[in-house]
Amino acid sequence: MPAHVRFMLRHAGIGLTLAAVTVAGMLWLDVAHLRALTLGTAHGPLGLALLTFFMGLTFGSVQIGAAVMLTSDDDRPRGHGRRVAAIPAPSMLGALGRRR
Protein backbone atom coordinates (compact mmCIF):
# COMPACT_ATOMS: atom_id res chain seq x y z
CA MET A 1 0.00 0.00 0.00
CA PRO A 2 1.41 3.45 -0.89
CA ALA A 3 2.64 5.62 1.95
CA HIS A 4 0.16 8.43 1.32
CA VAL A 5 -2.79 6.02 1.50
CA ARG A 6 -1.50 4.60 4.81
CA PHE A 7 -1.02 8.17 6.04
CA MET A 8 -4.62 9.11 5.25
CA LEU A 9 -6.10 5.88 6.64
CA ARG A 10 -4.12 6.21 9.87
CA HIS A 11 -5.29 9.77 10.46
CA ALA A 12 -8.87 8.97 9.43
CA GLY A 13 -8.80 6.17 12.02
CA ILE A 14 -7.58 8.60 14.66
CA GLY A 15 -10.43 10.97 13.80
CA LEU A 16 -12.98 8.15 13.91
CA THR A 17 -11.66 7.04 17.29
CA LEU A 18 -11.94 10.59 18.63
CA ALA A 19 -15.51 10.78 17.33
CA ALA A 20 -16.45 7.48 18.98
CA VAL A 21 -14.99 8.69 22.28
CA THR A 22 -16.89 11.98 21.93
CA VAL A 23 -20.20 10.22 21.24
CA ALA A 24 -19.59 7.85 24.17
CA GLY A 25 -18.91 10.87 26.39
CA MET A 26 -22.08 12.56 25.16
CA LEU A 27 -24.06 9.43 26.02
CA TRP A 28 -22.40 9.01 29.40
CA LEU A 29 -23.00 12.64 30.37
CA ASP A 30 -26.49 12.55 28.79
CA VAL A 31 -25.94 15.78 26.86
CA ALA A 32 -29.31 17.21 25.77
CA HIS A 33 -30.95 13.98 27.02
CA LEU A 34 -29.32 12.05 24.18
CA ARG A 35 -29.14 8.81 26.15
CA ALA A 36 -32.83 9.02 27.06
CA LEU A 37 -33.75 9.77 23.44
CA THR A 38 -31.75 6.86 21.99
CA LEU A 39 -32.98 4.35 24.56
CA GLY A 40 -36.59 5.55 24.39
CA THR A 41 -37.27 4.87 20.71
CA ALA A 42 -37.00 1.86 18.43
CA HIS A 43 -34.81 3.79 15.98
CA GLY A 44 -32.38 5.00 18.64
CA PRO A 45 -29.49 2.74 17.59
CA LEU A 46 -29.83 3.92 13.99
CA GLY A 47 -29.64 7.55 15.09
CA LEU A 48 -26.66 6.76 17.28
CA ALA A 49 -24.90 5.00 14.39
CA LEU A 50 -25.57 7.97 12.09
CA LEU A 51 -24.33 10.43 14.71
CA THR A 52 -21.15 8.40 15.17
CA PHE A 53 -20.60 8.02 11.42
CA PHE A 54 -21.01 11.70 10.60
CA MET A 55 -18.96 12.85 13.57
CA GLY A 56 -16.29 10.35 12.50
CA LEU A 57 -16.40 11.76 8.98
CA THR A 58 -15.99 15.29 10.31
CA PHE A 59 -13.29 14.47 12.88
CA GLY A 60 -11.43 12.28 10.38
CA SER A 61 -11.43 15.05 7.77
CA VAL A 62 -10.16 17.57 10.29
CA GLN A 63 -7.46 15.17 11.47
CA ILE A 64 -6.29 14.47 7.91
CA GLY A 65 -6.27 18.19 7.10
CA ALA A 66 -4.32 19.05 10.24
CA ALA A 67 -1.82 16.24 9.61
CA VAL A 68 -1.27 17.37 6.02
CA MET A 69 -0.80 21.00 7.06
CA LEU A 70 1.68 20.03 9.78
CA THR A 71 3.77 17.84 7.47
CA SER A 72 7.22 19.35 7.04
CA ASP A 73 9.25 19.57 3.85
CA ASP A 74 12.51 18.49 5.52
CA ASP A 75 12.78 15.26 3.53
CA ARG A 76 13.08 16.92 0.10
CA PRO A 77 16.41 16.83 -1.75
CA ARG A 78 18.63 19.87 -1.25
CA GLY A 79 20.70 19.80 -4.45
CA HIS A 80 24.04 18.14 -3.59
CA GLY A 81 24.80 20.31 -0.60
CA ARG A 82 24.81 23.60 -2.49
CA ARG A 83 22.92 26.44 -0.91
CA VAL A 84 20.74 28.52 -3.16
CA ALA A 85 20.26 32.09 -2.06
CA ALA A 86 16.68 33.27 -2.00
CA ILE A 87 15.79 36.47 -3.78
CA PRO A 88 14.35 38.85 -1.22
CA ALA A 89 10.88 40.16 -2.00
CA PRO A 90 10.33 43.92 -1.85
CA SER A 91 8.91 44.93 1.47
CA MET A 92 5.46 46.44 1.38
CA LEU A 93 6.13 48.33 4.59
CA GLY A 94 9.32 49.82 3.16
CA ALA A 95 7.45 51.07 0.10
CA LEU A 96 4.75 52.63 2.25
CA GLY A 97 7.26 54.24 4.57
CA ARG A 98 8.90 56.23 1.75
CA ARG A 99 5.81 58.29 1.00
CA ARG A 100 6.17 62.03 1.27
PDB file of N, CA and C in Angstrom:
ATOM      1  N   MET A   1       0.844  -1.170   0.000  1.00  0.00           N
ATOM      2  CA  MET A   1       0.000   0.000   0.000  1.00  0.00           C
ATOM      3  C   MET A   1       0.899   1.246   0.000  1.00  0.00           C
ATOM      4  N   PRO A   2       0.585   2.240  -0.834  1.00  0.00           N
ATOM      5  CA  PRO A   2       1.407   3.448  -0.885  1.00  0.00           C
ATOM      6  C   PRO A   2       1.406   4.199   0.453  1.00  0.00           C
ATOM      7  N   ALA A   3       2.476   4.924   0.673  1.00  0.00           N
ATOM      8  CA  ALA A   3       2.642   5.616   1.954  1.00  0.00           C
ATOM      9  C   ALA A   3       1.569   6.674   2.172  1.00  0.00           C
ATOM     10  N   HIS A   4       1.158   7.372   1.121  1.00  0.00           N
ATOM     11  CA  HIS A   4       0.160   8.428   1.317  1.00  0.00           C
ATOM     12  C   HIS A   4      -1.219   7.840   1.653  1.00  0.00           C
ATOM     13  N   VAL A   5      -1.518   6.658   1.160  1.00  0.00           N
ATOM     14  CA  VAL A   5      -2.794   6.021   1.503  1.00  0.00           C
ATOM     15  C   VAL A   5      -2.770   5.571   2.964  1.00  0.00           C
ATOM     16  N   ARG A   6      -1.640   4.989   3.398  1.00  0.00           N
ATOM     17  CA  ARG A   6      -1.500   4.604   4.809  1.00  0.00           C
ATOM     18  C   ARG A   6      -1.592   5.820   5.720  1.00  0.00           C
ATOM     19  N   PHE A   7      -0.983   6.915   5.287  1.00  0.00           N
ATOM     20  CA  PHE A   7      -1.018   8.173   6.043  1.00  0.00           C
ATOM     21  C   PHE A   7      -2.461   8.636   6.249  1.00  0.00           C
ATOM     22  N   MET A   8      -3.239   8.644   5.162  1.00  0.00           N
ATOM     23  CA  MET A   8      -4.623   9.110   5.249  1.00  0.00           C
ATOM     24  C   MET A   8      -5.492   8.156   6.061  1.00  0.00           C
ATOM     25  N   LEU A   9      -5.309   6.847   5.876  1.00  0.00           N
ATOM     26  CA  LEU A   9      -6.100   5.880   6.638  1.00  0.00           C
ATOM     27  C   LEU A   9      -5.789   5.941   8.130  1.00  0.00           C
ATOM     28  N   ARG A  10      -4.499   6.116   8.451  1.00  0.00           N
ATOM     29  CA  ARG A  10      -4.118   6.212   9.869  1.00  0.00           C
ATOM     30  C   ARG A  10      -4.772   7.417  10.526  1.00  0.00           C
ATOM     31  N   HIS A  11      -4.723   8.561   9.863  1.00  0.00           N
ATOM     32  CA  HIS A  11      -5.287   9.766  10.462  1.00  0.00           C
ATOM     33  C   HIS A  11      -6.813   9.768  10.424  1.00  0.00           C
ATOM     34  N   ALA A  12      -7.411   9.125   9.428  1.00  0.00           N
ATOM     35  CA  ALA A  12      -8.866   8.968   9.427  1.00  0.00           C
ATOM     36  C   ALA A  12      -9.297   8.073  10.588  1.00  0.00           C
ATOM     37  N   GLY A  13      -8.518   7.038  10.871  1.00  0.00           N
ATOM     38  CA  GLY A  13      -8.803   6.170  12.017  1.00  0.00           C
ATOM     39  C   GLY A  13      -8.690   6.905  13.340  1.00  0.00           C
ATOM     40  N   ILE A  14      -7.706   7.791  13.445  1.00  0.00           N
ATOM     41  CA  ILE A  14      -7.577   8.604  14.658  1.00  0.00           C
ATOM     42  C   ILE A  14      -8.793   9.488  14.826  1.00  0.00           C
ATOM     43  N   GLY A  15      -9.244  10.117  13.743  1.00  0.00           N
ATOM     44  CA  GLY A  15     -10.425  10.972  13.801  1.00  0.00           C
ATOM     45  C   GLY A  15     -11.681  10.186  14.154  1.00  0.00           C
ATOM     46  N   LEU A  16     -11.823   8.985  13.596  1.00  0.00           N
ATOM     47  CA  LEU A  16     -12.978   8.151  13.908  1.00  0.00           C
ATOM     48  C   LEU A  16     -12.964   7.712  15.372  1.00  0.00           C
ATOM     49  N   THR A  17     -11.784   7.407  15.872  1.00  0.00           N
ATOM     50  CA  THR A  17     -11.665   7.039  17.289  1.00  0.00           C
ATOM     51  C   THR A  17     -12.039   8.210  18.194  1.00  0.00           C
ATOM     52  N   LEU A  18     -11.568   9.407  17.849  1.00  0.00           N
ATOM     53  CA  LEU A  18     -11.938  10.590  18.633  1.00  0.00           C
ATOM     54  C   LEU A  18     -13.443  10.840  18.595  1.00  0.00           C
ATOM     55  N   ALA A  19     -14.062  10.602  17.444  1.00  0.00           N
ATOM     56  CA  ALA A  19     -15.507  10.777  17.329  1.00  0.00           C
ATOM     57  C   ALA A  19     -16.257   9.756  18.180  1.00  0.00           C
ATOM     58  N   ALA A  20     -15.793   8.514  18.172  1.00  0.00           N
ATOM     59  CA  ALA A  20     -16.447   7.480  18.983  1.00  0.00           C
ATOM     60  C   ALA A  20     -16.331   7.801  20.465  1.00  0.00           C
ATOM     61  N   VAL A  21     -15.172   8.303  20.881  1.00  0.00           N
ATOM     62  CA  VAL A  21     -14.985   8.693  22.285  1.00  0.00           C
ATOM     63  C   VAL A  21     -15.888   9.883  22.622  1.00  0.00           C
ATOM     64  N   THR A  22     -16.026  10.820  21.699  1.00  0.00           N
ATOM     65  CA  THR A  22     -16.888  11.983  21.930  1.00  0.00           C
ATOM     66  C   THR A  22     -18.349  11.561  22.053  1.00  0.00           C
ATOM     67  N   VAL A  23     -18.815  10.690  21.167  1.00  0.00           N
ATOM     68  CA  VAL A  23     -20.203  10.218  21.238  1.00  0.00           C
ATOM     69  C   VAL A  23     -20.426   9.424  22.523  1.00  0.00           C
ATOM     70  N   ALA A  24     -19.465   8.598  22.917  1.00  0.00           N
ATOM     71  CA  ALA A  24     -19.592   7.850  24.175  1.00  0.00           C
ATOM     72  C   ALA A  24     -19.667   8.802  25.365  1.00  0.00           C
ATOM     73  N   GLY A  25     -18.849   9.864  25.322  1.00  0.00           N
ATOM     74  CA  GLY A  25     -18.909  10.869  26.390  1.00  0.00           C
ATOM     75  C   GLY A  25     -20.228  11.611  26.412  1.00  0.00           C
ATOM     76  N   MET A  26     -20.770  11.890  25.220  1.00  0.00           N
ATOM     77  CA  MET A  26     -22.075  12.556  25.161  1.00  0.00           C
ATOM     78  C   MET A  26     -23.177  11.665  25.723  1.00  0.00           C
ATOM     79  N   LEU A  27     -23.079  10.362  25.453  1.00  0.00           N
ATOM     80  CA  LEU A  27     -24.064   9.434  26.017  1.00  0.00           C
ATOM     81  C   LEU A  27     -23.893   9.284  27.517  1.00  0.00           C
ATOM     82  N   TRP A  28     -22.659   9.194  27.964  1.00  0.00           N
ATOM     83  CA  TRP A  28     -22.395   9.006  29.395  1.00  0.00           C
ATOM     84  C   TRP A  28     -22.857  10.214  30.206  1.00  0.00           C
ATOM     85  N   LEU A  29     -22.593  11.427  29.668  1.00  0.00           N
ATOM     86  CA  LEU A  29     -23.003  12.636  30.369  1.00  0.00           C
ATOM     87  C   LEU A  29     -24.452  13.019  30.081  1.00  0.00           C
ATOM     88  N   ASP A  30     -25.100  12.315  29.182  1.00  0.00           N
ATOM     89  CA  ASP A  30     -26.488  12.547  28.788  1.00  0.00           C
ATOM     90  C   ASP A  30     -26.699  13.996  28.336  1.00  0.00           C
ATOM     91  N   VAL A  31     -25.863  14.426  27.406  1.00  0.00           N
ATOM     92  CA  VAL A  31     -25.939  15.776  26.863  1.00  0.00           C
ATOM     93  C   VAL A  31     -27.246  15.914  26.084  1.00  0.00           C
ATOM     94  N   ALA A  32     -28.028  16.928  26.409  1.00  0.00           N
ATOM     95  CA  ALA A  32     -29.315  17.214  25.766  1.00  0.00           C
ATOM     96  C   ALA A  32     -30.235  15.988  25.792  1.00  0.00           C
ATOM     97  N   HIS A  33     -30.138  15.195  26.843  1.00  0.00           N
ATOM     98  CA  HIS A  33     -30.949  13.981  27.024  1.00  0.00           C
ATOM     99  C   HIS A  33     -30.801  13.008  25.864  1.00  0.00           C
ATOM    100  N   LEU A  34     -29.590  12.926  25.322  1.00  0.00           N
ATOM    101  CA  LEU A  34     -29.322  12.054  24.175  1.00  0.00           C
ATOM    102  C   LEU A  34     -29.470  10.587  24.541  1.00  0.00           C
ATOM    103  N   ARG A  35     -29.017  10.221  25.716  1.00  0.00           N
ATOM    104  CA  ARG A  35     -29.137   8.814  26.148  1.00  0.00           C
ATOM    105  C   ARG A  35     -30.603   8.429  26.308  1.00  0.00           C
ATOM    106  N   ALA A  36     -31.403   9.305  26.894  1.00  0.00           N
ATOM    107  CA  ALA A  36     -32.833   9.022  27.057  1.00  0.00           C
ATOM    108  C   ALA A  36     -33.538   8.941  25.708  1.00  0.00           C
ATOM    109  N   LEU A  37     -33.126   9.790  24.766  1.00  0.00           N
ATOM    110  CA  LEU A  37     -33.750   9.768  23.440  1.00  0.00           C
ATOM    111  C   LEU A  37     -33.400   8.502  22.672  1.00  0.00           C
ATOM    112  N   THR A  38     -32.148   8.057  22.747  1.00  0.00           N
ATOM    113  CA  THR A  38     -31.754   6.859  21.991  1.00  0.00           C
ATOM    114  C   THR A  38     -32.313   5.588  22.616  1.00  0.00           C
ATOM    115  N   LEU A  39     -32.435   5.547  23.917  1.00  0.00           N
ATOM    116  CA  LEU A  39     -32.982   4.348  24.564  1.00  0.00           C
ATOM    117  C   LEU A  39     -34.499   4.323  24.545  1.00  0.00           C
ATOM    118  N   GLY A  40     -35.132   5.470  24.319  1.00  0.00           N
ATOM    119  CA  GLY A  40     -36.592   5.553  24.388  1.00  0.00           C
ATOM    120  C   GLY A  40     -37.305   5.262  23.087  1.00  0.00           C
ATOM    121  N   THR A  41     -36.605   5.138  21.987  1.00  0.00           N
ATOM    122  CA  THR A  41     -37.265   4.871  20.710  1.00  0.00           C
ATOM    123  C   THR A  41     -36.709   3.594  20.086  1.00  0.00           C
ATOM    124  N   ALA A  42     -37.448   3.070  19.123  1.00  0.00           N
ATOM    125  CA  ALA A  42     -37.002   1.859  18.429  1.00  0.00           C
ATOM    126  C   ALA A  42     -35.878   2.163  17.448  1.00  0.00           C
ATOM    127  N   HIS A  43     -35.829   3.402  16.961  1.00  0.00           N
ATOM    128  CA  HIS A  43     -34.806   3.791  15.984  1.00  0.00           C
ATOM    129  C   HIS A  43     -33.614   4.492  16.638  1.00  0.00           C
ATOM    130  N   GLY A  44     -33.481   4.373  17.926  1.00  0.00           N
ATOM    131  CA  GLY A  44     -32.385   5.002  18.644  1.00  0.00           C
ATOM    132  C   GLY A  44     -31.009   4.520  18.208  1.00  0.00           C
ATOM    133  N   PRO A  45     -30.801   3.206  18.046  1.00  0.00           N
ATOM    134  CA  PRO A  45     -29.485   2.736  17.589  1.00  0.00           C
ATOM    135  C   PRO A  45     -29.120   3.240  16.192  1.00  0.00           C
ATOM    136  N   LEU A  46     -30.099   3.386  15.316  1.00  0.00           N
ATOM    137  CA  LEU A  46     -29.827   3.924  13.986  1.00  0.00           C
ATOM    138  C   LEU A  46     -29.369   5.379  14.078  1.00  0.00           C
ATOM    139  N   GLY A  47     -30.048   6.157  14.900  1.00  0.00           N
ATOM    140  CA  GLY A  47     -29.643   7.549  15.094  1.00  0.00           C
ATOM    141  C   GLY A  47     -28.264   7.655  15.720  1.00  0.00           C
ATOM    142  N   LEU A  48     -27.978   6.776  16.640  1.00  0.00           N
ATOM    143  CA  LEU A  48     -26.661   6.759  17.275  1.00  0.00           C
ATOM    144  C   LEU A  48     -25.572   6.368  16.281  1.00  0.00           C
ATOM    145  N   ALA A  49     -25.870   5.402  15.416  1.00  0.00           N
ATOM    146  CA  ALA A  49     -24.901   5.000  14.390  1.00  0.00           C
ATOM    147  C   ALA A  49     -24.664   6.132  13.396  1.00  0.00           C
ATOM    148  N   LEU A  50     -25.728   6.844  13.004  1.00  0.00           N
ATOM    149  CA  LEU A  50     -25.575   7.974  12.088  1.00  0.00           C
ATOM    150  C   LEU A  50     -24.792   9.110  12.727  1.00  0.00           C
ATOM    151  N   LEU A  51     -25.075   9.383  13.998  1.00  0.00           N
ATOM    152  CA  LEU A  51     -24.327  10.432  14.707  1.00  0.00           C
ATOM    153  C   LEU A  51     -22.850  10.084  14.773  1.00  0.00           C
ATOM    154  N   THR A  52     -22.540   8.830  15.093  1.00  0.00           N
ATOM    155  CA  THR A  52     -21.145   8.400  15.174  1.00  0.00           C
ATOM    156  C   THR A  52     -20.471   8.450  13.806  1.00  0.00           C
ATOM    157  N   PHE A  53     -21.174   8.009  12.756  1.00  0.00           N
ATOM    158  CA  PHE A  53     -20.597   8.020  11.417  1.00  0.00           C
ATOM    159  C   PHE A  53     -20.284   9.440  10.957  1.00  0.00           C
ATOM    160  N   PHE A  54     -21.238  10.346  11.096  1.00  0.00           N
ATOM    161  CA  PHE A  54     -21.013  11.699  10.596  1.00  0.00           C
ATOM    162  C   PHE A  54     -20.029  12.487  11.456  1.00  0.00           C
ATOM    163  N   MET A  55     -20.000  12.232  12.752  1.00  0.00           N
ATOM    164  CA  MET A  55     -18.959  12.850  13.574  1.00  0.00           C
ATOM    165  C   MET A  55     -17.593  12.274  13.224  1.00  0.00           C
ATOM    166  N   GLY A  56     -17.545  10.974  12.931  1.00  0.00           N
ATOM    167  CA  GLY A  56     -16.294  10.350  12.499  1.00  0.00           C
ATOM    168  C   GLY A  56     -15.821  10.908  11.171  1.00  0.00           C
ATOM    169  N   LEU A  57     -16.744  11.163  10.268  1.00  0.00           N
ATOM    170  CA  LEU A  57     -16.404  11.761   8.984  1.00  0.00           C
ATOM    171  C   LEU A  57     -15.827  13.164   9.182  1.00  0.00           C
ATOM    172  N   THR A  58     -16.453  13.928  10.047  1.00  0.00           N
ATOM    173  CA  THR A  58     -15.985  15.290  10.313  1.00  0.00           C
ATOM    174  C   THR A  58     -14.641  15.279  11.034  1.00  0.00           C
ATOM    175  N   PHE A  59     -14.532  14.510  12.112  1.00  0.00           N
ATOM    176  CA  PHE A  59     -13.289  14.473  12.879  1.00  0.00           C
ATOM    177  C   PHE A  59     -12.152  13.886  12.047  1.00  0.00           C
ATOM    178  N   GLY A  60     -12.456  12.872  11.236  1.00  0.00           N
ATOM    179  CA  GLY A  60     -11.427  12.280  10.382  1.00  0.00           C
ATOM    180  C   GLY A  60     -10.923  13.266   9.349  1.00  0.00           C
ATOM    181  N   SER A  61     -11.841  14.042   8.752  1.00  0.00           N
ATOM    182  CA  SER A  61     -11.430  15.046   7.769  1.00  0.00           C
ATOM    183  C   SER A  61     -10.577  16.130   8.408  1.00  0.00           C
ATOM    184  N   VAL A  62     -10.956  16.559   9.584  1.00  0.00           N
ATOM    185  CA  VAL A  62     -10.163  17.572  10.290  1.00  0.00           C
ATOM    186  C   VAL A  62      -8.794  17.023  10.663  1.00  0.00           C
ATOM    187  N   GLN A  63      -8.740  15.785  11.101  1.00  0.00           N
ATOM    188  CA  GLN A  63      -7.462  15.165  11.471  1.00  0.00           C
ATOM    189  C   GLN A  63      -6.551  15.024  10.261  1.00  0.00           C
ATOM    190  N   ILE A  64      -7.099  14.590   9.124  1.00  0.00           N
ATOM    191  CA  ILE A  64      -6.291  14.467   7.910  1.00  0.00           C
ATOM    192  C   ILE A  64      -5.793  15.840   7.478  1.00  0.00           C
ATOM    193  N   GLY A  65      -6.672  16.839   7.492  1.00  0.00           N
ATOM    194  CA  GLY A  65      -6.271  18.191   7.099  1.00  0.00           C
ATOM    195  C   GLY A  65      -5.185  18.756   8.000  1.00  0.00           C
ATOM    196  N   ALA A  66      -5.337  18.553   9.309  1.00  0.00           N
ATOM    197  CA  ALA A  66      -4.317  19.050  10.236  1.00  0.00           C
ATOM    198  C   ALA A  66      -2.997  18.314  10.040  1.00  0.00           C
ATOM    199  N   ALA A  67      -3.053  17.017   9.811  1.00  0.00           N
ATOM    200  CA  ALA A  67      -1.817  16.243   9.606  1.00  0.00           C
ATOM    201  C   ALA A  67      -1.113  16.660   8.326  1.00  0.00           C
ATOM    202  N   VAL A  68      -1.881  16.942   7.274  1.00  0.00           N
ATOM    203  CA  VAL A  68      -1.271  17.373   6.019  1.00  0.00           C
ATOM    204  C   VAL A  68      -0.643  18.755   6.188  1.00  0.00           C
ATOM    205  N   MET A  69      -1.328  19.646   6.874  1.00  0.00           N
ATOM    206  CA  MET A  69      -0.799  21.003   7.060  1.00  0.00           C
ATOM    207  C   MET A  69       0.436  21.021   7.958  1.00  0.00           C
ATOM    208  N   LEU A  70       0.532  20.068   8.870  1.00  0.00           N
ATOM    209  CA  LEU A  70       1.678  20.033   9.783  1.00  0.00           C
ATOM    210  C   LEU A  70       2.839  19.203   9.246  1.00  0.00           C
ATOM    211  N   THR A  71       2.688  18.611   8.065  1.00  0.00           N
ATOM    212  CA  THR A  71       3.767  17.838   7.466  1.00  0.00           C
ATOM    213  C   THR A  71       4.875  18.790   7.032  1.00  0.00           C
ATOM    214  N   SER A  72       6.100  18.466   7.391  1.00  0.00           N
ATOM    215  CA  SER A  72       7.219  19.346   7.044  1.00  0.00           C
ATOM    216  C   SER A  72       7.812  18.928   5.710  1.00  0.00           C
ATOM    217  N   ASP A  73       8.582  19.829   5.120  1.00  0.00           N
ATOM    218  CA  ASP A  73       9.247  19.569   3.850  1.00  0.00           C
ATOM    219  C   ASP A  73      10.725  19.245   4.059  1.00  0.00           C
ATOM    220  N   ASP A  74      11.099  18.734   5.213  1.00  0.00           N
ATOM    221  CA  ASP A  74      12.510  18.493   5.518  1.00  0.00           C
ATOM    222  C   ASP A  74      13.090  17.314   4.765  1.00  0.00           C
ATOM    223  N   ASP A  75      12.255  16.441   4.199  1.00  0.00           N
ATOM    224  CA  ASP A  75      12.784  15.262   3.533  1.00  0.00           C
ATOM    225  C   ASP A  75      12.999  15.474   2.032  1.00  0.00           C
ATOM    226  N   ARG A  76      12.862  16.678   1.533  1.00  0.00           N
ATOM    227  CA  ARG A  76      13.079  16.923   0.103  1.00  0.00           C
ATOM    228  C   ARG A  76      14.575  17.054  -0.195  1.00  0.00           C
ATOM    229  N   PRO A  77      14.979  16.725  -1.412  1.00  0.00           N
ATOM    230  CA  PRO A  77      16.407  16.834  -1.747  1.00  0.00           C
ATOM    231  C   PRO A  77      16.865  18.287  -1.772  1.00  0.00           C
ATOM    232  N   ARG A  78      18.103  18.510  -1.379  1.00  0.00           N
ATOM    233  CA  ARG A  78      18.627  19.866  -1.249  1.00  0.00           C
ATOM    234  C   ARG A  78      19.539  20.272  -2.394  1.00  0.00           C
ATOM    235  N   GLY A  79      19.867  19.410  -3.315  1.00  0.00           N
ATOM    236  CA  GLY A  79      20.698  19.802  -4.450  1.00  0.00           C
ATOM    237  C   GLY A  79      22.179  19.639  -4.213  1.00  0.00           C
ATOM    238  N   HIS A  80      22.623  18.494  -3.756  1.00  0.00           N
ATOM    239  CA  HIS A  80      24.041  18.136  -3.590  1.00  0.00           C
ATOM    240  C   HIS A  80      24.784  19.059  -2.627  1.00  0.00           C
ATOM    241  N   GLY A  81      24.131  19.523  -1.618  1.00  0.00           N
ATOM    242  CA  GLY A  81      24.801  20.312  -0.596  1.00  0.00           C
ATOM    243  C   GLY A  81      25.005  21.770  -0.938  1.00  0.00           C
ATOM    244  N   ARG A  82      24.646  22.189  -2.132  1.00  0.00           N
ATOM    245  CA  ARG A  82      24.810  23.603  -2.486  1.00  0.00           C
ATOM    246  C   ARG A  82      23.659  24.402  -1.903  1.00  0.00           C
ATOM    247  N   ARG A  83      23.968  25.564  -1.423  1.00  0.00           N
ATOM    248  CA  ARG A  83      22.919  26.442  -0.912  1.00  0.00           C
ATOM    249  C   ARG A  83      22.526  27.418  -2.005  1.00  0.00           C
ATOM    250  N   VAL A  84      21.246  27.591  -2.166  1.00  0.00           N
ATOM    251  CA  VAL A  84      20.736  28.523  -3.161  1.00  0.00           C
ATOM    252  C   VAL A  84      20.193  29.722  -2.407  1.00  0.00           C
ATOM    253  N   ALA A  85      20.707  30.885  -2.737  1.00  0.00           N
ATOM    254  CA  ALA A  85      20.256  32.091  -2.058  1.00  0.00           C
ATOM    255  C   ALA A  85      18.879  32.482  -2.557  1.00  0.00           C
ATOM    256  N   ALA A  86      18.020  32.832  -1.644  1.00  0.00           N
ATOM    257  CA  ALA A  86      16.676  33.269  -2.002  1.00  0.00           C
ATOM    258  C   ALA A  86      16.710  34.734  -2.402  1.00  0.00           C
ATOM    259  N   ILE A  87      15.885  35.073  -3.356  1.00  0.00           N
ATOM    260  CA  ILE A  87      15.786  36.466  -3.785  1.00  0.00           C
ATOM    261  C   ILE A  87      14.811  37.154  -2.846  1.00  0.00           C
ATOM    262  N   PRO A  88      15.254  38.197  -2.167  1.00  0.00           N
ATOM    263  CA  PRO A  88      14.348  38.849  -1.220  1.00  0.00           C
ATOM    264  C   PRO A  88      13.230  39.584  -1.945  1.00  0.00           C
ATOM    265  N   ALA A  89      12.032  39.462  -1.419  1.00  0.00           N
ATOM    266  CA  ALA A  89      10.882  40.156  -1.995  1.00  0.00           C
ATOM    267  C   ALA A  89      10.869  41.600  -1.493  1.00  0.00           C
ATOM    268  N   PRO A  90      10.396  42.536  -2.319  1.00  0.00           N
ATOM    269  CA  PRO A  90      10.329  43.917  -1.852  1.00  0.00           C
ATOM    270  C   PRO A  90       9.345  44.034  -0.698  1.00  0.00           C
ATOM    271  N   SER A  91       9.736  44.788   0.279  1.00  0.00           N
ATOM    272  CA  SER A  91       8.909  44.925   1.469  1.00  0.00           C
ATOM    273  C   SER A  91       7.799  45.932   1.230  1.00  0.00           C
ATOM    274  N   MET A  92       6.600  45.542   1.545  1.00  0.00           N
ATOM    275  CA  MET A  92       5.463  46.439   1.380  1.00  0.00           C
ATOM    276  C   MET A  92       5.547  47.578   2.388  1.00  0.00           C
ATOM    277  N   LEU A  93       6.022  47.280   3.583  1.00  0.00           N
ATOM    278  CA  LEU A  93       6.129  48.330   4.593  1.00  0.00           C
ATOM    279  C   LEU A  93       7.201  49.348   4.214  1.00  0.00           C
ATOM    280  N   GLY A  94       8.276  48.888   3.588  1.00  0.00           N
ATOM    281  CA  GLY A  94       9.318  49.817   3.156  1.00  0.00           C
ATOM    282  C   GLY A  94       8.818  50.742   2.066  1.00  0.00           C
ATOM    283  N   ALA A  95       7.999  50.231   1.170  1.00  0.00           N
ATOM    284  CA  ALA A  95       7.452  51.074   0.101  1.00  0.00           C
ATOM    285  C   ALA A  95       6.460  52.086   0.656  1.00  0.00           C
ATOM    286  N   LEU A  96       5.713  51.691   1.675  1.00  0.00           N
ATOM    287  CA  LEU A  96       4.748  52.628   2.251  1.00  0.00           C
ATOM    288  C   LEU A  96       5.429  53.674   3.120  1.00  0.00           C
ATOM    289  N   GLY A  97       6.562  53.310   3.706  1.00  0.00           N
ATOM    290  CA  GLY A  97       7.261  54.245   4.574  1.00  0.00           C
ATOM    291  C   GLY A  97       7.968  55.359   3.832  1.00  0.00           C
ATOM    292  N   ARG A  98       8.187  55.212   2.537  1.00  0.00           N
ATOM    293  CA  ARG A  98       8.899  56.227   1.754  1.00  0.00           C
ATOM    294  C   ARG A  98       7.993  57.284   1.170  1.00  0.00           C
ATOM    295  N   ARG A  99       6.715  57.272   1.507  1.00  0.00           N
ATOM    296  CA  ARG A  99       5.806  58.290   0.997  1.00  0.00           C
ATOM    297  C   ARG A  99       6.175  59.651   1.560  1.00  0.00           C
ATOM    298  N   ARG A 100       5.862  60.678   0.779  1.00  0.00           N
ATOM    299  CA  ARG A 100       6.167  62.030   1.268  1.00  0.00           C
ATOM    300  C   ARG A 100       4.926  62.787   1.570  1.00  0.00           C
TER     301      ARG A 100
END
